[in-house]
Full PDB file with SEQRES, HELIX, SHEET, SSBOND, CRYST1, ORIGX, SCALE, CONECT and MASTER records, all heavy atoms in Angstrom:
SEQRES   1 A   48  PRO ASP GLY ASP ILE LEU ALA THR GLY GLY GLY ALA THR          
SEQRES   2 A   48  LEU TYR ASP PHE VAL PRO ASP THR PRO LYS HIS SER ALA          
SEQRES   3 A   48  CYS LEU ASN ASP GLY CYS VAL PHE GLN TRP PRO PRO LEU          
SEQRES   4 A   48  VAL GLU ASP GLY PRO ILE THR VAL GLY                          
HELIX    1 AA1 ASP A   30  GLN A   35  1                                   6    
SSBOND   1 CYS A   27    CYS A   32                          1555   1555  2.06  
CRYST1    1.000    1.000    1.000  90.00  90.00  90.00 P 1           1          
ORIGX1      1.000000  0.000000  0.000000        0.00000                         
ORIGX2      0.000000  1.000000  0.000000        0.00000                         
ORIGX3      0.000000  0.000000  1.000000        0.00000                         
SCALE1      1.000000  0.000000  0.000000        0.00000                         
SCALE2      0.000000  1.000000  0.000000        0.00000                         
SCALE3      0.000000  0.000000  1.000000        0.00000                         
ATOM      1  N   PRO A   1     -11.443 -11.403 -10.846  1.00  0.00           N  
ATOM      2  CA  PRO A   1     -12.728 -11.425 -11.554  1.00  0.00           C  
ATOM      3  C   PRO A   1     -13.317 -10.022 -11.765  1.00  0.00           C  
ATOM      4  O   PRO A   1     -14.127  -9.816 -12.657  1.00  0.00           O  
ATOM      5  CB  PRO A   1     -13.633 -12.240 -10.629  1.00  0.00           C  
ATOM      6  CG  PRO A   1     -12.707 -13.075  -9.814  1.00  0.00           C  
ATOM      7  CD  PRO A   1     -11.462 -12.253  -9.652  1.00  0.00           C  
ATOM      8  N   ASP A   2     -12.903  -9.045 -10.947  1.00  0.00           N  
ATOM      9  CA  ASP A   2     -13.414  -7.677 -11.078  1.00  0.00           C  
ATOM     10  C   ASP A   2     -12.474  -6.777 -11.870  1.00  0.00           C  
ATOM     11  O   ASP A   2     -12.635  -5.555 -11.866  1.00  0.00           O  
ATOM     12  CB  ASP A   2     -13.673  -7.083  -9.696  1.00  0.00           C  
ATOM     13  CG  ASP A   2     -14.966  -7.603  -9.113  1.00  0.00           C  
ATOM     14  OD1 ASP A   2     -15.009  -8.801  -8.784  1.00  0.00           O  
ATOM     15  OD2 ASP A   2     -15.929  -6.832  -9.018  1.00  0.00           O  
ATOM     16  N   GLY A   3     -11.469  -7.357 -12.507  1.00  0.00           N  
ATOM     17  CA  GLY A   3     -10.531  -6.590 -13.306  1.00  0.00           C  
ATOM     18  C   GLY A   3      -9.129  -6.635 -12.742  1.00  0.00           C  
ATOM     19  O   GLY A   3      -8.878  -7.219 -11.683  1.00  0.00           O  
ATOM     20  N   ASP A   4      -8.197  -6.040 -13.461  1.00  0.00           N  
ATOM     21  CA  ASP A   4      -6.799  -6.016 -13.040  1.00  0.00           C  
ATOM     22  C   ASP A   4      -6.610  -5.044 -11.881  1.00  0.00           C  
ATOM     23  O   ASP A   4      -7.236  -3.975 -11.852  1.00  0.00           O  
ATOM     24  CB  ASP A   4      -5.899  -5.600 -14.204  1.00  0.00           C  
ATOM     25  CG  ASP A   4      -5.834  -6.659 -15.294  1.00  0.00           C  
ATOM     26  OD1 ASP A   4      -6.239  -7.813 -15.041  1.00  0.00           O  
ATOM     27  OD2 ASP A   4      -5.371  -6.327 -16.396  1.00  0.00           O  
ATOM     28  N   ILE A   5      -5.750  -5.446 -10.928  1.00  0.00           N  
ATOM     29  CA  ILE A   5      -5.463  -4.607  -9.766  1.00  0.00           C  
ATOM     30  C   ILE A   5      -3.955  -4.535  -9.550  1.00  0.00           C  
ATOM     31  O   ILE A   5      -3.196  -5.368 -10.056  1.00  0.00           O  
ATOM     32  CB  ILE A   5      -6.162  -5.115  -8.485  1.00  0.00           C  
ATOM     33  CG1 ILE A   5      -5.680  -6.516  -8.093  1.00  0.00           C  
ATOM     34  CG2 ILE A   5      -7.675  -5.055  -8.648  1.00  0.00           C  
ATOM     35  CD1 ILE A   5      -6.175  -7.004  -6.744  1.00  0.00           C  
ATOM     36  N   LEU A   6      -3.536  -3.571  -8.767  1.00  0.00           N  
ATOM     37  CA  LEU A   6      -2.128  -3.358  -8.455  1.00  0.00           C  
ATOM     38  C   LEU A   6      -1.669  -4.336  -7.374  1.00  0.00           C  
ATOM     39  O   LEU A   6      -2.388  -4.589  -6.406  1.00  0.00           O  
ATOM     40  CB  LEU A   6      -1.949  -1.925  -7.975  1.00  0.00           C  
ATOM     41  CG  LEU A   6      -0.576  -1.296  -8.065  1.00  0.00           C  
ATOM     42  CD1 LEU A   6      -0.071  -1.250  -9.498  1.00  0.00           C  
ATOM     43  CD2 LEU A   6      -0.621   0.110  -7.484  1.00  0.00           C  
ATOM     44  N   ALA A   7      -0.449  -4.880  -7.539  1.00  0.00           N  
ATOM     45  CA  ALA A   7       0.138  -5.818  -6.582  1.00  0.00           C  
ATOM     46  C   ALA A   7       1.657  -5.663  -6.620  1.00  0.00           C  
ATOM     47  O   ALA A   7       2.196  -4.923  -7.439  1.00  0.00           O  
ATOM     48  CB  ALA A   7      -0.256  -7.257  -6.937  1.00  0.00           C  
ATOM     49  N   THR A   8       2.332  -6.373  -5.736  1.00  0.00           N  
ATOM     50  CA  THR A   8       3.792  -6.416  -5.790  1.00  0.00           C  
ATOM     51  C   THR A   8       4.216  -7.626  -6.620  1.00  0.00           C  
ATOM     52  O   THR A   8       3.414  -8.538  -6.840  1.00  0.00           O  
ATOM     53  CB  THR A   8       4.417  -6.554  -4.382  1.00  0.00           C  
ATOM     54  OG1 THR A   8       4.104  -7.849  -3.860  1.00  0.00           O  
ATOM     55  CG2 THR A   8       3.934  -5.461  -3.448  1.00  0.00           C  
ATOM     56  N   GLY A   9       5.460  -7.652  -7.028  1.00  0.00           N  
ATOM     57  CA  GLY A   9       5.987  -8.789  -7.774  1.00  0.00           C  
ATOM     58  C   GLY A   9       5.921 -10.078  -6.980  1.00  0.00           C  
ATOM     59  O   GLY A   9       5.863 -11.158  -7.556  1.00  0.00           O  
ATOM     60  N   GLY A  10       5.893  -9.970  -5.651  1.00  0.00           N  
ATOM     61  CA  GLY A  10       5.767 -11.146  -4.787  1.00  0.00           C  
ATOM     62  C   GLY A  10       4.338 -11.610  -4.616  1.00  0.00           C  
ATOM     63  O   GLY A  10       4.077 -12.582  -3.922  1.00  0.00           O  
ATOM     64  N   GLY A  11       3.381 -10.914  -5.220  1.00  0.00           N  
ATOM     65  CA  GLY A  11       1.983 -11.335  -5.168  1.00  0.00           C  
ATOM     66  C   GLY A  11       1.156 -10.700  -4.070  1.00  0.00           C  
ATOM     67  O   GLY A  11       0.005 -11.087  -3.861  1.00  0.00           O  
ATOM     68  N   ALA A  12       1.699  -9.714  -3.356  1.00  0.00           N  
ATOM     69  CA  ALA A  12       0.921  -9.047  -2.314  1.00  0.00           C  
ATOM     70  C   ALA A  12      -0.006  -8.013  -2.943  1.00  0.00           C  
ATOM     71  O   ALA A  12       0.438  -7.127  -3.679  1.00  0.00           O  
ATOM     72  CB  ALA A  12       1.850  -8.363  -1.311  1.00  0.00           C  
ATOM     73  N   THR A  13      -1.285  -8.122  -2.651  1.00  0.00           N  
ATOM     74  CA  THR A  13      -2.268  -7.154  -3.133  1.00  0.00           C  
ATOM     75  C   THR A  13      -2.015  -5.818  -2.454  1.00  0.00           C  
ATOM     76  O   THR A  13      -1.708  -5.754  -1.266  1.00  0.00           O  
ATOM     77  CB  THR A  13      -3.687  -7.656  -2.801  1.00  0.00           C  
ATOM     78  OG1 THR A  13      -3.880  -8.925  -3.445  1.00  0.00           O  
ATOM     79  CG2 THR A  13      -4.749  -6.678  -3.270  1.00  0.00           C  
ATOM     80  N   LEU A  14      -2.157  -4.734  -3.210  1.00  0.00           N  
ATOM     81  CA  LEU A  14      -1.948  -3.389  -2.673  1.00  0.00           C  
ATOM     82  C   LEU A  14      -3.288  -2.666  -2.534  1.00  0.00           C  
ATOM     83  O   LEU A  14      -4.158  -2.796  -3.397  1.00  0.00           O  
ATOM     84  CB  LEU A  14      -0.995  -2.603  -3.567  1.00  0.00           C  
ATOM     85  CG  LEU A  14       0.419  -3.191  -3.617  1.00  0.00           C  
ATOM     86  CD1 LEU A  14       1.269  -2.478  -4.660  1.00  0.00           C  
ATOM     87  CD2 LEU A  14       1.067  -3.125  -2.240  1.00  0.00           C  
ATOM     88  N   TYR A  15      -3.422  -1.938  -1.438  1.00  0.00           N  
ATOM     89  CA  TYR A  15      -4.660  -1.237  -1.105  1.00  0.00           C  
ATOM     90  C   TYR A  15      -4.386   0.245  -0.885  1.00  0.00           C  
ATOM     91  O   TYR A  15      -3.268   0.637  -0.557  1.00  0.00           O  
ATOM     92  CB  TYR A  15      -5.242  -1.791   0.205  1.00  0.00           C  
ATOM     93  CG  TYR A  15      -5.618  -3.241   0.153  1.00  0.00           C  
ATOM     94  CD1 TYR A  15      -4.685  -4.234   0.450  1.00  0.00           C  
ATOM     95  CD2 TYR A  15      -6.908  -3.646  -0.185  1.00  0.00           C  
ATOM     96  CE1 TYR A  15      -5.034  -5.582   0.418  1.00  0.00           C  
ATOM     97  CE2 TYR A  15      -7.264  -4.991  -0.214  1.00  0.00           C  
ATOM     98  CZ  TYR A  15      -6.316  -5.958   0.085  1.00  0.00           C  
ATOM     99  OH  TYR A  15      -6.659  -7.278   0.049  1.00  0.00           O  
ATOM    100  N   ASP A  16      -5.447   1.058  -1.027  1.00  0.00           N  
ATOM    101  CA  ASP A  16      -5.365   2.451  -0.603  1.00  0.00           C  
ATOM    102  C   ASP A  16      -6.402   2.669   0.487  1.00  0.00           C  
ATOM    103  O   ASP A  16      -7.339   1.883   0.645  1.00  0.00           O  
ATOM    104  CB  ASP A  16      -5.546   3.413  -1.780  1.00  0.00           C  
ATOM    105  CG  ASP A  16      -6.989   3.770  -2.048  1.00  0.00           C  
ATOM    106  OD1 ASP A  16      -7.799   2.863  -2.327  1.00  0.00           O  
ATOM    107  OD2 ASP A  16      -7.311   4.960  -1.981  1.00  0.00           O  
ATOM    108  N   PHE A  17      -6.203   3.724   1.269  1.00  0.00           N  
ATOM    109  CA  PHE A  17      -7.060   4.073   2.407  1.00  0.00           C  
ATOM    110  C   PHE A  17      -7.700   5.414   2.081  1.00  0.00           C  
ATOM    111  O   PHE A  17      -7.007   6.415   1.905  1.00  0.00           O  
ATOM    112  CB  PHE A  17      -6.176   4.151   3.655  1.00  0.00           C  
ATOM    113  CG  PHE A  17      -6.890   4.343   4.958  1.00  0.00           C  
ATOM    114  CD1 PHE A  17      -8.114   3.758   5.222  1.00  0.00           C  
ATOM    115  CD2 PHE A  17      -6.283   5.097   5.956  1.00  0.00           C  
ATOM    116  CE1 PHE A  17      -8.731   3.919   6.456  1.00  0.00           C  
ATOM    117  CE2 PHE A  17      -6.891   5.273   7.190  1.00  0.00           C  
ATOM    118  CZ  PHE A  17      -8.122   4.681   7.443  1.00  0.00           C  
ATOM    119  N   VAL A  18      -9.018   5.450   2.000  1.00  0.00           N  
ATOM    120  CA  VAL A  18      -9.732   6.638   1.544  1.00  0.00           C  
ATOM    121  C   VAL A  18      -9.384   7.912   2.336  1.00  0.00           C  
ATOM    122  O   VAL A  18      -9.239   8.977   1.732  1.00  0.00           O  
ATOM    123  CB  VAL A  18     -11.262   6.384   1.513  1.00  0.00           C  
ATOM    124  CG1 VAL A  18     -12.041   7.656   1.240  1.00  0.00           C  
ATOM    125  CG2 VAL A  18     -11.580   5.327   0.447  1.00  0.00           C  
ATOM    126  N   PRO A  19      -9.196   7.883   3.666  1.00  0.00           N  
ATOM    127  CA  PRO A  19      -8.859   9.126   4.376  1.00  0.00           C  
ATOM    128  C   PRO A  19      -7.479   9.714   4.045  1.00  0.00           C  
ATOM    129  O   PRO A  19      -7.187  10.846   4.425  1.00  0.00           O  
ATOM    130  CB  PRO A  19      -8.919   8.730   5.859  1.00  0.00           C  
ATOM    131  CG  PRO A  19      -9.825   7.552   5.898  1.00  0.00           C  
ATOM    132  CD  PRO A  19      -9.538   6.817   4.612  1.00  0.00           C  
ATOM    133  N   ASP A  20      -6.614   8.971   3.364  1.00  0.00           N  
ATOM    134  CA  ASP A  20      -5.295   9.488   2.992  1.00  0.00           C  
ATOM    135  C   ASP A  20      -5.414  10.626   1.982  1.00  0.00           C  
ATOM    136  O   ASP A  20      -6.413  10.751   1.280  1.00  0.00           O  
ATOM    137  CB  ASP A  20      -4.438   8.389   2.338  1.00  0.00           C  
ATOM    138  CG  ASP A  20      -3.917   7.354   3.315  1.00  0.00           C  
ATOM    139  OD1 ASP A  20      -4.010   7.562   4.534  1.00  0.00           O  
ATOM    140  OD2 ASP A  20      -3.394   6.328   2.840  1.00  0.00           O  
ATOM    141  N   THR A  21      -4.347  11.416   1.892  1.00  0.00           N  
ATOM    142  CA  THR A  21      -4.197  12.410   0.830  1.00  0.00           C  
ATOM    143  C   THR A  21      -2.908  12.064   0.085  1.00  0.00           C  
ATOM    144  O   THR A  21      -2.119  11.250   0.567  1.00  0.00           O  
ATOM    145  CB  THR A  21      -4.110  13.848   1.385  1.00  0.00           C  
ATOM    146  OG1 THR A  21      -2.878  13.998   2.094  1.00  0.00           O  
ATOM    147  CG2 THR A  21      -5.300  14.168   2.286  1.00  0.00           C  
ATOM    148  N   PRO A  22      -2.654  12.671  -1.060  1.00  0.00           N  
ATOM    149  CA  PRO A  22      -1.420  12.351  -1.783  1.00  0.00           C  
ATOM    150  C   PRO A  22      -0.136  12.604  -0.987  1.00  0.00           C  
ATOM    151  O   PRO A  22       0.888  11.983  -1.252  1.00  0.00           O  
ATOM    152  CB  PRO A  22      -1.485  13.264  -3.012  1.00  0.00           C  
ATOM    153  CG  PRO A  22      -2.949  13.441  -3.252  1.00  0.00           C  
ATOM    154  CD  PRO A  22      -3.545  13.524  -1.865  1.00  0.00           C  
ATOM    155  N   LYS A  23      -0.175  13.472   0.004  1.00  0.00           N  
ATOM    156  CA  LYS A  23       1.036  13.797   0.770  1.00  0.00           C  
ATOM    157  C   LYS A  23       0.960  13.385   2.235  1.00  0.00           C  
ATOM    158  O   LYS A  23       1.857  13.681   3.010  1.00  0.00           O  
ATOM    159  CB  LYS A  23       1.321  15.309   0.691  1.00  0.00           C  
ATOM    160  CG  LYS A  23       1.636  15.779  -0.714  1.00  0.00           C  
ATOM    161  CD  LYS A  23       2.949  15.210  -1.173  1.00  0.00           C  
ATOM    162  CE  LYS A  23       3.274  15.662  -2.586  1.00  0.00           C  
ATOM    163  NZ  LYS A  23       4.377  14.942  -3.156  1.00  0.00           N  
ATOM    164  N   HIS A  24      -0.142  12.702   2.654  1.00  0.00           N  
ATOM    165  CA  HIS A  24      -0.303  12.357   4.060  1.00  0.00           C  
ATOM    166  C   HIS A  24      -1.006  11.013   4.221  1.00  0.00           C  
ATOM    167  O   HIS A  24      -2.088  10.801   3.674  1.00  0.00           O  
ATOM    168  CB  HIS A  24      -1.114  13.436   4.782  1.00  0.00           C  
ATOM    169  CG  HIS A  24      -1.452  13.093   6.189  1.00  0.00           C  
ATOM    170  ND1 HIS A  24      -0.539  13.129   7.209  1.00  0.00           N  
ATOM    171  CD2 HIS A  24      -2.608  12.681   6.739  1.00  0.00           C  
ATOM    172  CE1 HIS A  24      -1.115  12.761   8.337  1.00  0.00           C  
ATOM    173  NE2 HIS A  24      -2.378  12.484   8.077  1.00  0.00           N  
ATOM    174  N   SER A  25      -0.396  10.124   5.003  1.00  0.00           N  
ATOM    175  CA  SER A  25      -1.023   8.867   5.374  1.00  0.00           C  
ATOM    176  C   SER A  25      -1.843   9.080   6.637  1.00  0.00           C  
ATOM    177  O   SER A  25      -1.356   9.663   7.603  1.00  0.00           O  
ATOM    178  CB  SER A  25       0.044   7.796   5.637  1.00  0.00           C  
ATOM    179  OG  SER A  25      -0.552   6.669   6.260  1.00  0.00           O  
ATOM    180  N   ALA A  26      -3.087   8.621   6.642  1.00  0.00           N  
ATOM    181  CA  ALA A  26      -3.940   8.696   7.829  1.00  0.00           C  
ATOM    182  C   ALA A  26      -3.833   7.423   8.666  1.00  0.00           C  
ATOM    183  O   ALA A  26      -4.388   7.352   9.752  1.00  0.00           O  
ATOM    184  CB  ALA A  26      -5.388   8.940   7.414  1.00  0.00           C  
ATOM    185  N   CYS A  27      -3.125   6.415   8.177  1.00  0.00           N  
ATOM    186  CA  CYS A  27      -2.928   5.158   8.904  1.00  0.00           C  
ATOM    187  C   CYS A  27      -1.627   5.284   9.702  1.00  0.00           C  
ATOM    188  O   CYS A  27      -0.546   4.985   9.190  1.00  0.00           O  
ATOM    189  CB  CYS A  27      -2.865   3.989   7.920  1.00  0.00           C  
ATOM    190  SG  CYS A  27      -2.613   2.377   8.692  1.00  0.00           S  
ATOM    191  N   LEU A  28      -1.747   5.762  10.947  1.00  0.00           N  
ATOM    192  CA  LEU A  28      -0.565   6.060  11.738  1.00  0.00           C  
ATOM    193  C   LEU A  28      -0.529   5.374  13.101  1.00  0.00           C  
ATOM    194  O   LEU A  28       0.540   5.214  13.674  1.00  0.00           O  
ATOM    195  CB  LEU A  28      -0.447   7.577  11.958  1.00  0.00           C  
ATOM    196  CG  LEU A  28      -0.312   8.419  10.693  1.00  0.00           C  
ATOM    197  CD1 LEU A  28      -0.378   9.897  11.038  1.00  0.00           C  
ATOM    198  CD2 LEU A  28       0.977   8.091   9.969  1.00  0.00           C  
ATOM    199  N   ASN A  29      -1.684   4.977  13.660  1.00  0.00           N  
ATOM    200  CA  ASN A  29      -1.664   4.377  14.992  1.00  0.00           C  
ATOM    201  C   ASN A  29      -1.231   2.908  14.931  1.00  0.00           C  
ATOM    202  O   ASN A  29      -1.203   2.286  13.864  1.00  0.00           O  
ATOM    203  CB  ASN A  29      -3.017   4.553  15.693  1.00  0.00           C  
ATOM    204  CG  ASN A  29      -4.120   3.731  15.063  1.00  0.00           C  
ATOM    205  OD1 ASN A  29      -4.052   2.514  15.003  1.00  0.00           O  
ATOM    206  ND2 ASN A  29      -5.158   4.403  14.577  1.00  0.00           N  
ATOM    207  N   ASP A  30      -0.887   2.352  16.079  1.00  0.00           N  
ATOM    208  CA  ASP A  30      -0.360   0.989  16.162  1.00  0.00           C  
ATOM    209  C   ASP A  30      -1.259  -0.048  15.490  1.00  0.00           C  
ATOM    210  O   ASP A  30      -0.796  -0.879  14.726  1.00  0.00           O  
ATOM    211  CB  ASP A  30      -0.142   0.571  17.622  1.00  0.00           C  
ATOM    212  CG  ASP A  30       0.970   1.331  18.299  1.00  0.00           C  
ATOM    213  OD1 ASP A  30       1.811   1.924  17.604  1.00  0.00           O  
ATOM    214  OD2 ASP A  30       0.997   1.337  19.548  1.00  0.00           O  
ATOM    215  N   GLY A  31      -2.565   0.006  15.792  1.00  0.00           N  
ATOM    216  CA  GLY A  31      -3.483  -0.983  15.238  1.00  0.00           C  
ATOM    217  C   GLY A  31      -3.568  -0.917  13.727  1.00  0.00           C  
ATOM    218  O   GLY A  31      -3.546  -1.931  13.041  1.00  0.00           O  
ATOM    219  N   CYS A  32      -3.642   0.291  13.198  1.00  0.00           N  
ATOM    220  CA  CYS A  32      -3.745   0.462  11.747  1.00  0.00           C  
ATOM    221  C   CYS A  32      -2.474  -0.010  11.045  1.00  0.00           C  
ATOM    222  O   CYS A  32      -2.529  -0.775  10.083  1.00  0.00           O  
ATOM    223  CB  CYS A  32      -4.041   1.916  11.407  1.00  0.00           C  
ATOM    224  SG  CYS A  32      -4.418   2.179   9.661  1.00  0.00           S  
ATOM    225  N   VAL A  33      -1.331   0.427  11.525  1.00  0.00           N  
ATOM    226  CA  VAL A  33      -0.060   0.066  10.883  1.00  0.00           C  
ATOM    227  C   VAL A  33       0.201  -1.434  10.979  1.00  0.00           C  
ATOM    228  O   VAL A  33       0.760  -2.031  10.062  1.00  0.00           O  
ATOM    229  CB  VAL A  33       1.106   0.885  11.489  1.00  0.00           C  
ATOM    230  CG1 VAL A  33       2.451   0.377  11.017  1.00  0.00           C  
ATOM    231  CG2 VAL A  33       0.943   2.349  11.125  1.00  0.00           C  
ATOM    232  N   PHE A  34      -0.230  -2.069  12.079  1.00  0.00           N  
ATOM    233  CA  PHE A  34      -0.062  -3.517  12.198  1.00  0.00           C  
ATOM    234  C   PHE A  34      -0.946  -4.239  11.196  1.00  0.00           C  
ATOM    235  O   PHE A  34      -0.491  -5.144  10.500  1.00  0.00           O  
ATOM    236  CB  PHE A  34      -0.388  -3.993  13.616  1.00  0.00           C  
ATOM    237  CG  PHE A  34      -0.325  -5.487  13.741  1.00  0.00           C  
ATOM    238  CD1 PHE A  34       0.899  -6.131  13.828  1.00  0.00           C  
ATOM    239  CD2 PHE A  34      -1.476  -6.250  13.739  1.00  0.00           C  
ATOM    240  CE1 PHE A  34       0.966  -7.512  13.911  1.00  0.00           C  
ATOM    241  CE2 PHE A  34      -1.421  -7.628  13.826  1.00  0.00           C  
ATOM    242  CZ  PHE A  34      -0.199  -8.267  13.915  1.00  0.00           C  
ATOM    243  N   GLN A  35      -2.213  -3.840  11.112  1.00  0.00           N  
ATOM    244  CA  GLN A  35      -3.164  -4.519  10.225  1.00  0.00           C  
ATOM    245  C   GLN A  35      -2.923  -4.185   8.751  1.00  0.00           C  
ATOM    246  O   GLN A  35      -3.104  -5.028   7.890  1.00  0.00           O  
ATOM    247  CB  GLN A  35      -4.590  -4.114  10.612  1.00  0.00           C  
ATOM    248  CG  GLN A  35      -5.652  -4.997  10.048  1.00  0.00           C  
ATOM    249  CD  GLN A  35      -5.726  -6.349  10.736  1.00  0.00           C  
ATOM    250  OE1 GLN A  35      -5.149  -6.597  11.776  1.00  0.00           O  
ATOM    251  NE2 GLN A  35      -6.443  -7.251  10.125  1.00  0.00           N  
ATOM    252  N   TRP A  36      -2.510  -2.962   8.461  1.00  0.00           N  
ATOM    253  CA  TRP A  36      -2.326  -2.466   7.098  1.00  0.00           C  
ATOM    254  C   TRP A  36      -0.904  -1.917   6.953  1.00  0.00           C  
ATOM    255  O   TRP A  36      -0.701  -0.706   6.958  1.00  0.00           O  
ATOM    256  CB  TRP A  36      -3.341  -1.368   6.790  1.00  0.00           C  
ATOM    257  CG  TRP A  36      -4.762  -1.817   6.920  1.00  0.00           C  
ATOM    258  CD1 TRP A  36      -5.552  -1.720   8.019  1.00  0.00           C  
ATOM    259  CD2 TRP A  36      -5.553  -2.453   5.911  1.00  0.00           C  
ATOM    260  NE1 TRP A  36      -6.793  -2.249   7.747  1.00  0.00           N  
ATOM    261  CE2 TRP A  36      -6.818  -2.701   6.467  1.00  0.00           C  
ATOM    262  CE3 TRP A  36      -5.308  -2.825   4.591  1.00  0.00           C  
ATOM    263  CZ2 TRP A  36      -7.841  -3.311   5.748  1.00  0.00           C  
ATOM    264  CZ3 TRP A  36      -6.324  -3.425   3.875  1.00  0.00           C  
ATOM    265  CH2 TRP A  36      -7.578  -3.670   4.451  1.00  0.00           C  
ATOM    266  N   PRO A  37       0.116  -2.758   6.826  1.00  0.00           N  
ATOM    267  CA  PRO A  37       1.498  -2.264   6.720  1.00  0.00           C  
ATOM    268  C   PRO A  37       1.700  -1.373   5.495  1.00  0.00           C  
ATOM    269  O   PRO A  37       1.371  -1.759   4.377  1.00  0.00           O  
ATOM    270  CB  PRO A  37       2.332  -3.540   6.594  1.00  0.00           C  
ATOM    271  CG  PRO A  37       1.466  -4.623   7.158  1.00  0.00           C  
ATOM    272  CD  PRO A  37       0.051  -4.220   6.829  1.00  0.00           C  
ATOM    273  N   PRO A  38       2.222  -0.169   5.700  1.00  0.00           N  
ATOM    274  CA  PRO A  38       2.519   0.715   4.577  1.00  0.00           C  
ATOM    275  C   PRO A  38       3.586   0.099   3.669  1.00  0.00           C  
ATOM    276  O   PRO A  38       4.498  -0.572   4.155  1.00  0.00           O  
ATOM    277  CB  PRO A  38       3.055   1.991   5.237  1.00  0.00           C  
ATOM    278  CG  PRO A  38       2.624   1.904   6.659  1.00  0.00           C  
ATOM    279  CD  PRO A  38       2.527   0.461   6.987  1.00  0.00           C  
ATOM    280  N   LEU A  39       3.469   0.315   2.384  1.00  0.00           N  
ATOM    281  CA  LEU A  39       4.484  -0.133   1.436  1.00  0.00           C  
ATOM    282  C   LEU A  39       5.580   0.925   1.433  1.00  0.00           C  
ATOM    283  O   LEU A  39       5.363   2.049   1.003  1.00  0.00           O  
ATOM    284  CB  LEU A  39       3.884  -0.304   0.043  1.00  0.00           C  
ATOM    285  CG  LEU A  39       4.794  -0.965  -0.993  1.00  0.00           C  
ATOM    286  CD1 LEU A  39       5.084  -2.414  -0.606  1.00  0.00           C  
ATOM    287  CD2 LEU A  39       4.166  -0.902  -2.365  1.00  0.00           C  
ATOM    288  N   VAL A  40       6.750   0.546   1.960  1.00  0.00           N  
ATOM    289  CA  VAL A  40       7.832   1.494   2.174  1.00  0.00           C  
ATOM    290  C   VAL A  40       8.967   1.242   1.195  1.00  0.00           C  
ATOM    291  O   VAL A  40       9.375   0.107   0.968  1.00  0.00           O  
ATOM    292  CB  VAL A  40       8.336   1.398   3.635  1.00  0.00           C  
ATOM    293  CG1 VAL A  40       9.534   2.292   3.868  1.00  0.00           C  
ATOM    294  CG2 VAL A  40       7.218   1.775   4.590  1.00  0.00           C  
ATOM    295  N   GLU A  41       9.473   2.344   0.637  1.00  0.00           N  
ATOM    296  CA  GLU A  41      10.581   2.294  -0.319  1.00  0.00           C  
ATOM    297  C   GLU A  41      11.879   1.958   0.412  1.00  0.00           C  
ATOM    298  O   GLU A  41      12.200   2.542   1.441  1.00  0.00           O  
ATOM    299  CB  GLU A  41      10.707   3.647  -0.999  1.00  0.00           C  
ATOM    300  CG  GLU A  41      11.812   3.722  -2.026  1.00  0.00           C  
ATOM    301  CD  GLU A  41      11.908   5.114  -2.602  1.00  0.00           C  
ATOM    302  OE1 GLU A  41      11.977   6.080  -1.834  1.00  0.00           O  
ATOM    303  OE2 GLU A  41      11.902   5.210  -3.836  1.00  0.00           O  
ATOM    304  N   ASP A  42      12.615   0.997  -0.131  1.00  0.00           N  
ATOM    305  CA  ASP A  42      13.908   0.609   0.431  1.00  0.00           C  
ATOM    306  C   ASP A  42      14.870   0.288  -0.711  1.00  0.00           C  
ATOM    307  O   ASP A  42      15.637  -0.655  -0.633  1.00  0.00           O  
ATOM    308  CB  ASP A  42      13.738  -0.596   1.358  1.00  0.00           C  
ATOM    309  CG  ASP A  42      14.987  -0.905   2.161  1.00  0.00           C  
ATOM    310  OD1 ASP A  42      15.723   0.035   2.499  1.00  0.00           O  
ATOM    311  OD2 ASP A  42      15.220  -2.093   2.443  1.00  0.00           O  
ATOM    312  N   GLY A  43      14.792   1.042  -1.783  1.00  0.00           N  
ATOM    313  CA  GLY A  43      15.620   0.798  -2.958  1.00  0.00           C  
ATOM    314  C   GLY A  43      14.836   1.129  -4.203  1.00  0.00           C  
ATOM    315  O   GLY A  43      13.775   1.758  -4.147  1.00  0.00           O  
ATOM    316  N   PRO A  44      15.342   0.690  -5.346  1.00  0.00           N  
ATOM    317  CA  PRO A  44      14.677   1.030  -6.614  1.00  0.00           C  
ATOM    318  C   PRO A  44      13.299   0.380  -6.749  1.00  0.00           C  
ATOM    319  O   PRO A  44      13.073  -0.717  -6.262  1.00  0.00           O  
ATOM    320  CB  PRO A  44      15.636   0.498  -7.680  1.00  0.00           C  
ATOM    321  CG  PRO A  44      16.490  -0.498  -6.985  1.00  0.00           C  
ATOM    322  CD  PRO A  44      16.539  -0.117  -5.535  1.00  0.00           C  
ATOM    323  N   ILE A  45      12.409   1.099  -7.400  1.00  0.00           N  
ATOM    324  CA  ILE A  45      11.066   0.591  -7.679  1.00  0.00           C  
ATOM    325  C   ILE A  45      10.993   0.281  -9.161  1.00  0.00           C  
ATOM    326  O   ILE A  45      11.237   1.141  -9.997  1.00  0.00           O  
ATOM    327  CB  ILE A  45       9.991   1.634  -7.320  1.00  0.00           C  
ATOM    328  CG1 ILE A  45      10.099   2.032  -5.849  1.00  0.00           C  
ATOM    329  CG2 ILE A  45       8.598   1.099  -7.637  1.00  0.00           C  
ATOM    330  CD1 ILE A  45       9.271   3.253  -5.504  1.00  0.00           C  
ATOM    331  N   THR A  46      10.667  -0.961  -9.477  1.00  0.00           N  
ATOM    332  CA  THR A  46      10.517  -1.396 -10.860  1.00  0.00           C  
ATOM    333  C   THR A  46       9.026  -1.500 -11.162  1.00  0.00           C  
ATOM    334  O   THR A  46       8.249  -1.888 -10.291  1.00  0.00           O  
ATOM    335  CB  THR A  46      11.185  -2.771 -11.059  1.00  0.00           C  
ATOM    336  OG1 THR A  46      12.534  -2.698 -10.619  1.00  0.00           O  
ATOM    337  CG2 THR A  46      11.139  -3.214 -12.504  1.00  0.00           C  
ATOM    338  N   VAL A  47       8.641  -1.151 -12.363  1.00  0.00           N  
ATOM    339  CA  VAL A  47       7.240  -1.307 -12.752  1.00  0.00           C  
ATOM    340  C   VAL A  47       7.137  -2.381 -13.831  1.00  0.00           C  
ATOM    341  O   VAL A  47       7.925  -2.410 -14.767  1.00  0.00           O  
ATOM    342  CB  VAL A  47       6.608   0.023 -13.217  1.00  0.00           C  
ATOM    343  CG1 VAL A  47       6.573   1.025 -12.088  1.00  0.00           C  
ATOM    344  CG2 VAL A  47       7.311   0.596 -14.408  1.00  0.00           C  
ATOM    345  N   GLY A  48       6.165  -3.252 -13.652  1.00  0.00           N  
ATOM    346  CA  GLY A  48       5.924  -4.313 -14.609  1.00  0.00           C  
ATOM    347  C   GLY A  48       4.995  -3.846 -15.717  1.00  0.00           C  
ATOM    348  O   GLY A  48       4.504  -2.708 -15.703  1.00  0.00           O  
TER     349      GLY A  48                                                      
CONECT  190  224                                                                
CONECT  224  190                                                                
MASTER        0    0    0    1    0    0    0    6  348    1    2    4          
END                                                                             
């Protein structure tokens, strides 16, 4: 309802974390990584 957003082909909504920088993730501790799993490359990335 608030407009188009980025997601995966499987329907998982994708988020960004404001403290991050383009070259550094600030979500590194156990609690953060468990609650907010990083989207990790494991092969080719296709764009829809």
